[in-house]
């Protein structure tokens, strides 16, 4: 019974570790990464991993939808 919960949490933590460099794609703010000092510490990485541990399905969905909308806008601008 606890195996699905453990798998969910582990997948979320791995997603957080892998996606930390591209976390700006999952926010409603800037679509570009911050400056050289923006979130480079261990504490910001830890907060991102903890957030992703439970929210990774939602983050995947919003990140994918954001990428699709940005690509659609780019295609419209080139036409």
PDB file of N, CA and C in Angstrom:
ATOM      1  N   UNK A   1       0.810  -1.203   0.000  1.00  0.00           N
ATOM      2  CA  UNK A   1       0.000   0.000   0.000  1.00  0.00           C
ATOM      3  C   UNK A   1       0.849   1.260   0.000  1.00  0.00           C
ATOM      4  N   UNK A   2       1.993   1.223   0.648  1.00  0.00           N
ATOM      5  CA  UNK A   2       2.828   2.418   0.697  1.00  0.00           C
ATOM      6  C   UNK A   2       3.756   2.526  -0.502  1.00  0.00           C
ATOM      7  N   UNK A   3       3.883   1.478  -1.289  1.00  0.00           N
ATOM      8  CA  UNK A   3       4.781   1.521  -2.446  1.00  0.00           C
ATOM      9  C   UNK A   3       4.406   2.618  -3.438  1.00  0.00           C
ATOM     10  N   UNK A   4       3.129   2.801  -3.804  1.00  0.00           N
ATOM     11  CA  UNK A   4       2.799   3.894  -4.721  1.00  0.00           C
ATOM     12  C   UNK A   4       3.164   5.273  -4.160  1.00  0.00           C
ATOM     13  N   UNK A   5       2.997   5.452  -2.852  1.00  0.00           N
ATOM     14  CA  UNK A   5       3.339   6.735  -2.240  1.00  0.00           C
ATOM     15  C   UNK A   5       4.847   6.961  -2.286  1.00  0.00           C
ATOM     16  N   UNK A   6       5.605   5.928  -1.980  1.00  0.00           N
ATOM     17  CA  UNK A   6       7.068   6.033  -2.013  1.00  0.00           C
ATOM     18  C   UNK A   6       7.545   6.315  -3.437  1.00  0.00           C
ATOM     19  N   UNK A   7       6.970   5.643  -4.408  1.00  0.00           N
ATOM     20  CA  UNK A   7       7.353   5.873  -5.807  1.00  0.00           C
ATOM     21  C   UNK A   7       7.016   7.307  -6.215  1.00  0.00           C
ATOM     22  N   UNK A   8       5.842   7.806  -5.828  1.00  0.00           N
ATOM     23  CA  UNK A   8       5.437   9.176  -6.133  1.00  0.00           C
ATOM     24  C   UNK A   8       6.431  10.183  -5.567  1.00  0.00           C
ATOM     25  N   UNK A   9       6.824  10.001  -4.318  1.00  0.00           N
ATOM     26  CA  UNK A   9       7.756  10.923  -3.659  1.00  0.00           C
ATOM     27  C   UNK A   9       9.141  10.832  -4.288  1.00  0.00           C
ATOM     28  N   UNK A  10       9.608   9.633  -4.585  1.00  0.00           N
ATOM     29  CA  UNK A  10      10.940   9.472  -5.186  1.00  0.00           C
ATOM     30  C   UNK A  10      10.967  10.078  -6.593  1.00  0.00           C
ATOM     31  N   UNK A  11       9.929   9.834  -7.373  1.00  0.00           N
ATOM     32  CA  UNK A  11       9.869  10.428  -8.714  1.00  0.00           C
ATOM     33  C   UNK A  11       9.858  11.945  -8.614  1.00  0.00           C
ATOM     34  N   UNK A  12       9.121  12.499  -7.656  1.00  0.00           N
ATOM     35  CA  UNK A  12       9.101  13.944  -7.466  1.00  0.00           C
ATOM     36  C   UNK A  12      10.449  14.506  -7.068  1.00  0.00           C
ATOM     37  N   UNK A  13      11.156  13.825  -6.191  1.00  0.00           N
ATOM     38  CA  UNK A  13      12.481  14.296  -5.776  1.00  0.00           C
ATOM     39  C   UNK A  13      13.471  14.232  -6.936  1.00  0.00           C
ATOM     40  N   UNK A  14      13.411  13.168  -7.701  1.00  0.00           N
ATOM     41  CA  UNK A  14      14.298  13.064  -8.874  1.00  0.00           C
ATOM     42  C   UNK A  14      13.951  14.142  -9.894  1.00  0.00           C
ATOM     43  N   UNK A  15      12.665  14.379 -10.117  1.00  0.00           N
ATOM     44  CA  UNK A  15      12.243  15.449 -11.012  1.00  0.00           C
ATOM     45  C   UNK A  15      12.775  16.797 -10.533  1.00  0.00           C
ATOM     46  N   UNK A  16      12.717  17.038  -9.233  1.00  0.00           N
ATOM     47  CA  UNK A  16      13.239  18.289  -8.689  1.00  0.00           C
ATOM     48  C   UNK A  16      14.734  18.438  -8.892  1.00  0.00           C
ATOM     49  N   UNK A  17      15.475  17.366  -8.691  1.00  0.00           N
ATOM     50  CA  UNK A  17      16.928  17.432  -8.892  1.00  0.00           C
ATOM     51  C   UNK A  17      17.282  17.649 -10.357  1.00  0.00           C
ATOM     52  N   UNK A  18      16.557  16.995 -11.244  1.00  0.00           N
ATOM     53  CA  UNK A  18      16.856  17.101 -12.678  1.00  0.00           C
ATOM     54  C   UNK A  18      16.408  18.442 -13.240  1.00  0.00           C
ATOM     55  N   UNK A  19      15.261  18.944 -12.806  1.00  0.00           N
ATOM     56  CA  UNK A  19      14.684  20.147 -13.415  1.00  0.00           C
ATOM     57  C   UNK A  19      15.128  21.442 -12.755  1.00  0.00           C
ATOM     58  N   UNK A  20      16.018  21.394 -11.789  1.00  0.00           N
ATOM     59  CA  UNK A  20      16.404  22.610 -11.057  1.00  0.00           C
ATOM     60  C   UNK A  20      16.991  23.668 -11.982  1.00  0.00           C
ATOM     61  N   UNK A  21      17.747  23.281 -12.958  1.00  0.00           N
ATOM     62  CA  UNK A  21      18.361  24.253 -13.874  1.00  0.00           C
ATOM     63  C   UNK A  21      17.335  24.962 -14.742  1.00  0.00           C
ATOM     64  N   UNK A  22      16.191  24.334 -14.964  1.00  0.00           N
ATOM     65  CA  UNK A  22      15.161  24.892 -15.843  1.00  0.00           C
ATOM     66  C   UNK A  22      13.906  25.267 -15.069  1.00  0.00           C
ATOM     67  N   UNK A  23      14.035  25.572 -13.792  1.00  0.00           N
ATOM     68  CA  UNK A  23      12.865  25.841 -12.952  1.00  0.00           C
ATOM     69  C   UNK A  23      12.115  27.088 -13.389  1.00  0.00           C
ATOM     70  N   UNK A  24      12.751  27.993 -14.120  1.00  0.00           N
ATOM     71  CA  UNK A  24      12.052  29.196 -14.578  1.00  0.00           C
ATOM     72  C   UNK A  24      10.965  28.859 -15.596  1.00  0.00           C
ATOM     73  N   UNK A  25      11.011  27.702 -16.224  1.00  0.00           N
ATOM     74  CA  UNK A  25       9.965  27.300 -17.166  1.00  0.00           C
ATOM     75  C   UNK A  25       8.677  26.906 -16.455  1.00  0.00           C
ATOM     76  N   UNK A  26       8.743  26.638 -15.176  1.00  0.00           N
ATOM     77  CA  UNK A  26       7.592  26.163 -14.427  1.00  0.00           C
ATOM     78  C   UNK A  26       6.932  27.262 -13.611  1.00  0.00           C
ATOM     79  N   UNK A  27       7.367  28.487 -13.763  1.00  0.00           N
ATOM     80  CA  UNK A  27       6.797  29.576 -12.971  1.00  0.00           C
ATOM     81  C   UNK A  27       5.912  30.449 -13.854  1.00  0.00           C
ATOM     82  N   UNK A  28       5.180  31.324 -13.223  1.00  0.00           N
ATOM     83  CA  UNK A  28       4.358  32.275 -13.957  1.00  0.00           C
ATOM     84  C   UNK A  28       5.121  33.560 -14.233  1.00  0.00           C
ATOM     85  N   UNK A  29       6.322  33.643 -13.750  1.00  0.00           N
ATOM     86  CA  UNK A  29       7.112  34.850 -13.908  1.00  0.00           C
ATOM     87  C   UNK A  29       7.945  34.832 -15.174  1.00  0.00           C
ATOM     88  N   UNK A  30       9.185  35.181 -15.035  1.00  0.00           N
ATOM     89  CA  UNK A  30      10.102  35.314 -16.159  1.00  0.00           C
ATOM     90  C   UNK A  30      10.297  33.982 -16.885  1.00  0.00           C
ATOM     91  N   UNK A  31      10.485  34.063 -18.185  1.00  0.00           N
ATOM     92  CA  UNK A  31      10.772  32.862 -18.968  1.00  0.00           C
ATOM     93  C   UNK A  31      12.271  32.684 -19.161  1.00  0.00           C
ATOM     94  N   UNK A  32      13.047  33.557 -18.535  1.00  0.00           N
ATOM     95  CA  UNK A  32      14.507  33.471 -18.614  1.00  0.00           C
ATOM     96  C   UNK A  32      15.063  33.212 -17.223  1.00  0.00           C
ATOM     97  N   UNK A  33      16.183  32.499 -17.158  1.00  0.00           N
ATOM     98  CA  UNK A  33      16.783  32.291 -15.833  1.00  0.00           C
ATOM     99  C   UNK A  33      17.264  33.608 -15.240  1.00  0.00           C
ATOM    100  N   UNK A  34      17.393  33.632 -13.921  1.00  0.00           N
ATOM    101  CA  UNK A  34      17.851  34.825 -13.239  1.00  0.00           C
ATOM    102  C   UNK A  34      19.328  35.107 -13.529  1.00  0.00           C
ATOM    103  N   UNK A  35      19.827  36.131 -12.891  1.00  0.00           N
ATOM    104  CA  UNK A  35      21.223  36.513 -13.070  1.00  0.00           C
ATOM    105  C   UNK A  35      22.168  35.491 -12.466  1.00  0.00           C
ATOM    106  N   UNK A  36      23.461  35.815 -12.465  1.00  0.00           N
ATOM    107  CA  UNK A  36      24.458  34.850 -11.987  1.00  0.00           C
ATOM    108  C   UNK A  36      24.319  34.491 -10.510  1.00  0.00           C
ATOM    109  N   UNK A  37      23.720  35.361  -9.711  1.00  0.00           N
ATOM    110  CA  UNK A  37      23.578  35.076  -8.280  1.00  0.00           C
ATOM    111  C   UNK A  37      22.190  34.591  -7.903  1.00  0.00           C
ATOM    112  N   UNK A  38      21.314  34.439  -8.860  1.00  0.00           N
ATOM    113  CA  UNK A  38      19.918  34.096  -8.569  1.00  0.00           C
ATOM    114  C   UNK A  38      19.772  32.606  -8.270  1.00  0.00           C
ATOM    115  N   UNK A  39      19.549  32.274  -7.032  1.00  0.00           N
ATOM    116  CA  UNK A  39      19.239  30.906  -6.637  1.00  0.00           C
ATOM    117  C   UNK A  39      20.328  29.892  -6.895  1.00  0.00           C
ATOM    118  N   UNK A  40      21.559  30.234  -6.590  1.00  0.00           N
ATOM    119  CA  UNK A  40      22.651  29.295  -6.824  1.00  0.00           C
ATOM    120  C   UNK A  40      23.003  28.478  -5.590  1.00  0.00           C
ATOM    121  N   UNK A  41      22.399  28.793  -4.458  1.00  0.00           N
ATOM    122  CA  UNK A  41      22.771  28.126  -3.220  1.00  0.00           C
ATOM    123  C   UNK A  41      22.072  26.799  -3.017  1.00  0.00           C
ATOM    124  N   UNK A  42      22.583  26.076  -2.056  1.00  0.00           N
ATOM    125  CA  UNK A  42      22.015  24.779  -1.707  1.00  0.00           C
ATOM    126  C   UNK A  42      20.603  24.928  -1.149  1.00  0.00           C
ATOM    127  N   UNK A  43      20.343  26.042  -0.453  1.00  0.00           N
ATOM    128  CA  UNK A  43      19.021  26.237   0.121  1.00  0.00           C
ATOM    129  C   UNK A  43      17.947  26.392  -0.947  1.00  0.00           C
ATOM    130  N   UNK A  44      18.235  27.100  -2.032  1.00  0.00           N
ATOM    131  CA  UNK A  44      17.241  27.251  -3.094  1.00  0.00           C
ATOM    132  C   UNK A  44      17.017  25.928  -3.820  1.00  0.00           C
ATOM    133  N   UNK A  45      18.060  25.144  -3.982  1.00  0.00           N
ATOM    134  CA  UNK A  45      17.900  23.826  -4.603  1.00  0.00           C
ATOM    135  C   UNK A  45      17.061  22.913  -3.713  1.00  0.00           C
ATOM    136  N   UNK A  46      17.283  22.976  -2.408  1.00  0.00           N
ATOM    137  CA  UNK A  46      16.520  22.160  -1.478  1.00  0.00           C
ATOM    138  C   UNK A  46      15.039  22.543  -1.487  1.00  0.00           C
ATOM    139  N   UNK A  47      14.745  23.839  -1.518  1.00  0.00           N
ATOM    140  CA  UNK A  47      13.353  24.291  -1.574  1.00  0.00           C
ATOM    141  C   UNK A  47      12.700  23.816  -2.869  1.00  0.00           C
ATOM    142  N   UNK A  48      13.428  23.872  -3.991  1.00  0.00           N
ATOM    143  CA  UNK A  48      12.881  23.412  -5.265  1.00  0.00           C
ATOM    144  C   UNK A  48      12.589  21.907  -5.223  1.00  0.00           C
ATOM    145  N   UNK A  49      13.505  21.126  -4.675  1.00  0.00           N
ATOM    146  CA  UNK A  49      13.300  19.672  -4.607  1.00  0.00           C
ATOM    147  C   UNK A  49      12.123  19.340  -3.705  1.00  0.00           C
ATOM    148  N   UNK A  50      12.005  20.018  -2.571  1.00  0.00           N
ATOM    149  CA  UNK A  50      10.886  19.769  -1.668  1.00  0.00           C
ATOM    150  C   UNK A  50       9.567  20.156  -2.338  1.00  0.00           C
ATOM    151  N   UNK A  51       9.553  21.266  -3.056  1.00  0.00           N
ATOM    152  CA  UNK A  51       8.336  21.676  -3.766  1.00  0.00           C
ATOM    153  C   UNK A  51       7.965  20.667  -4.848  1.00  0.00           C
ATOM    154  N   UNK A  52       8.943  20.200  -5.572  1.00  0.00           N
ATOM    155  CA  UNK A  52       8.689  19.253  -6.659  1.00  0.00           C
ATOM    156  C   UNK A  52       8.265  17.881  -6.143  1.00  0.00           C
ATOM    157  N   UNK A  53       8.666  17.545  -4.943  1.00  0.00           N
ATOM    158  CA  UNK A  53       8.359  16.220  -4.415  1.00  0.00           C
ATOM    159  C   UNK A  53       6.862  15.947  -4.416  1.00  0.00           C
ATOM    160  N   UNK A  54       6.061  16.930  -4.088  1.00  0.00           N
ATOM    161  CA  UNK A  54       4.615  16.721  -4.056  1.00  0.00           C
ATOM    162  C   UNK A  54       3.887  17.353  -5.242  1.00  0.00           C
ATOM    163  N   UNK A  55       4.499  18.305  -5.902  1.00  0.00           N
ATOM    164  CA  UNK A  55       3.804  19.028  -6.966  1.00  0.00           C
ATOM    165  C   UNK A  55       4.272  18.663  -8.370  1.00  0.00           C
ATOM    166  N   UNK A  56       5.077  17.620  -8.537  1.00  0.00           N
ATOM    167  CA  UNK A  56       5.670  17.354  -9.841  1.00  0.00           C
ATOM    168  C   UNK A  56       4.655  17.091 -10.945  1.00  0.00           C
ATOM    169  N   UNK A  57       3.502  16.452 -10.717  1.00  0.00           N
ATOM    170  CA  UNK A  57       2.560  16.302 -11.844  1.00  0.00           C
ATOM    171  C   UNK A  57       2.030  17.652 -12.323  1.00  0.00           C
ATOM    172  N   UNK A  58       1.738  18.527 -11.385  1.00  0.00           N
ATOM    173  CA  UNK A  58       1.256  19.857 -11.738  1.00  0.00           C
ATOM    174  C   UNK A  58       2.341  20.669 -12.444  1.00  0.00           C
ATOM    175  N   UNK A  59       3.574  20.568 -11.972  1.00  0.00           N
ATOM    176  CA  UNK A  59       4.674  21.294 -12.603  1.00  0.00           C
ATOM    177  C   UNK A  59       4.941  20.787 -14.020  1.00  0.00           C
ATOM    178  N   UNK A  60       4.856  19.493 -14.222  1.00  0.00           N
ATOM    179  CA  UNK A  60       5.024  18.956 -15.578  1.00  0.00           C
ATOM    180  C   UNK A  60       3.950  19.484 -16.512  1.00  0.00           C
ATOM    181  N   UNK A  61       2.737  19.517 -16.044  1.00  0.00           N
ATOM    182  CA  UNK A  61       1.631  19.997 -16.864  1.00  0.00           C
ATOM    183  C   UNK A  61       1.787  21.474 -17.203  1.00  0.00           C
ATOM    184  N   UNK A  62       2.083  22.305 -16.216  1.00  0.00           N
ATOM    185  CA  UNK A  62       2.221  23.735 -16.483  1.00  0.00           C
ATOM    186  C   UNK A  62       3.453  24.028 -17.324  1.00  0.00           C
ATOM    187  N   UNK A  63       4.534  23.297 -17.112  1.00  0.00           N
ATOM    188  CA  UNK A  63       5.732  23.500 -17.931  1.00  0.00           C
ATOM    189  C   UNK A  63       5.496  23.126 -19.376  1.00  0.00           C
ATOM    190  N   UNK A  64       4.794  22.030 -19.612  1.00  0.00           N
ATOM    191  CA  UNK A  64       4.499  21.601 -20.983  1.00  0.00           C
ATOM    192  C   UNK A  64       3.554  22.574 -21.666  1.00  0.00           C
ATOM    193  N   UNK A  65       2.531  23.017 -20.964  1.00  0.00           N
ATOM    194  CA  UNK A  65       1.597  23.977 -21.557  1.00  0.00           C
ATOM    195  C   UNK A  65       2.274  25.311 -21.840  1.00  0.00           C
ATOM    196  N   UNK A  66       3.161  25.738 -20.960  1.00  0.00           N
ATOM    197  CA  UNK A  66       3.901  26.983 -21.186  1.00  0.00           C
ATOM    198  C   UNK A  66       4.794  26.894 -22.408  1.00  0.00           C
ATOM    199  N   UNK A  67       5.479  25.778 -22.566  1.00  0.00           N
ATOM    200  CA  UNK A  67       6.336  25.592 -23.741  1.00  0.00           C
ATOM    201  C   UNK A  67       5.519  25.576 -25.024  1.00  0.00           C
ATOM    202  N   UNK A  68       4.374  24.893 -24.999  1.00  0.00           N
ATOM    203  CA  UNK A  68       3.521  24.844 -26.187  1.00  0.00           C
ATOM    204  C   UNK A  68       2.990  26.219 -26.558  1.00  0.00           C
ATOM    205  N   UNK A  69       2.583  27.000 -25.581  1.00  0.00           N
ATOM    206  CA  UNK A  69       2.066  28.337 -25.890  1.00  0.00           C
ATOM    207  C   UNK A  69       3.165  29.263 -26.392  1.00  0.00           C
ATOM    208  N   UNK A  70       4.374  29.148 -25.845  1.00  0.00           N
ATOM    209  CA  UNK A  70       5.481  29.982 -26.336  1.00  0.00           C
ATOM    210  C   UNK A  70       5.857  29.611 -27.765  1.00  0.00           C
ATOM    211  N   UNK A  71       5.829  28.328 -28.084  1.00  0.00           N
ATOM    212  CA  UNK A  71       6.127  27.898 -29.454  1.00  0.00           C
ATOM    213  C   UNK A  71       5.048  28.349 -30.422  1.00  0.00           C
ATOM    214  N   UNK A  72       3.792  28.309 -29.999  1.00  0.00           N
ATOM    215  CA  UNK A  72       2.699  28.761 -30.862  1.00  0.00           C
ATOM    216  C   UNK A  72       2.825  30.266 -31.121  1.00  0.00           C
ATOM    217  N   UNK A  73       3.180  31.035 -30.115  1.00  0.00           N
ATOM    218  CA  UNK A  73       3.367  32.470 -30.306  1.00  0.00           C
ATOM    219  C   UNK A  73       4.542  32.746 -31.239  1.00  0.00           C
ATOM    220  N   UNK A  74       5.604  31.989 -31.091  1.00  0.00           N
ATOM    221  CA  UNK A  74       6.770  32.173 -31.964  1.00  0.00           C
ATOM    222  C   UNK A  74       6.410  31.852 -33.413  1.00  0.00           C
ATOM    223  N   UNK A  75       5.601  30.813 -33.621  1.00  0.00           N
ATOM    224  CA  UNK A  75       5.172  30.470 -34.993  1.00  0.00           C
ATOM    225  C   UNK A  75       4.294  31.558 -35.584  1.00  0.00           C
ATOM    226  N   UNK A  76       3.424  32.154 -34.766  1.00  0.00           N
ATOM    227  CA  UNK A  76       2.565  33.225 -35.254  1.00  0.00           C
ATOM    228  C   UNK A  76       3.371  34.458 -35.622  1.00  0.00           C
ATOM    229  N   UNK A  77       4.408  34.740 -34.884  1.00  0.00           N
ATOM    230  CA  UNK A  77       5.234  35.912 -35.181  1.00  0.00           C
ATOM    231  C   UNK A  77       6.044  35.754 -36.459  1.00  0.00           C
ATOM    232  N   UNK A  78       6.392  34.524 -36.803  1.00  0.00           N
ATOM    233  CA  UNK A  78       7.176  34.313 -38.010  1.00  0.00           C
ATOM    234  C   UNK A  78       6.307  34.316 -39.272  1.00  0.00           C
ATOM    235  N   UNK A  79       5.010  34.184 -39.112  1.00  0.00           N
ATOM    236  CA  UNK A  79       4.107  34.190 -40.281  1.00  0.00           C
ATOM    237  C   UNK A  79       3.752  35.556 -40.717  1.00  0.00           C
TER     238      UNK A  79
END
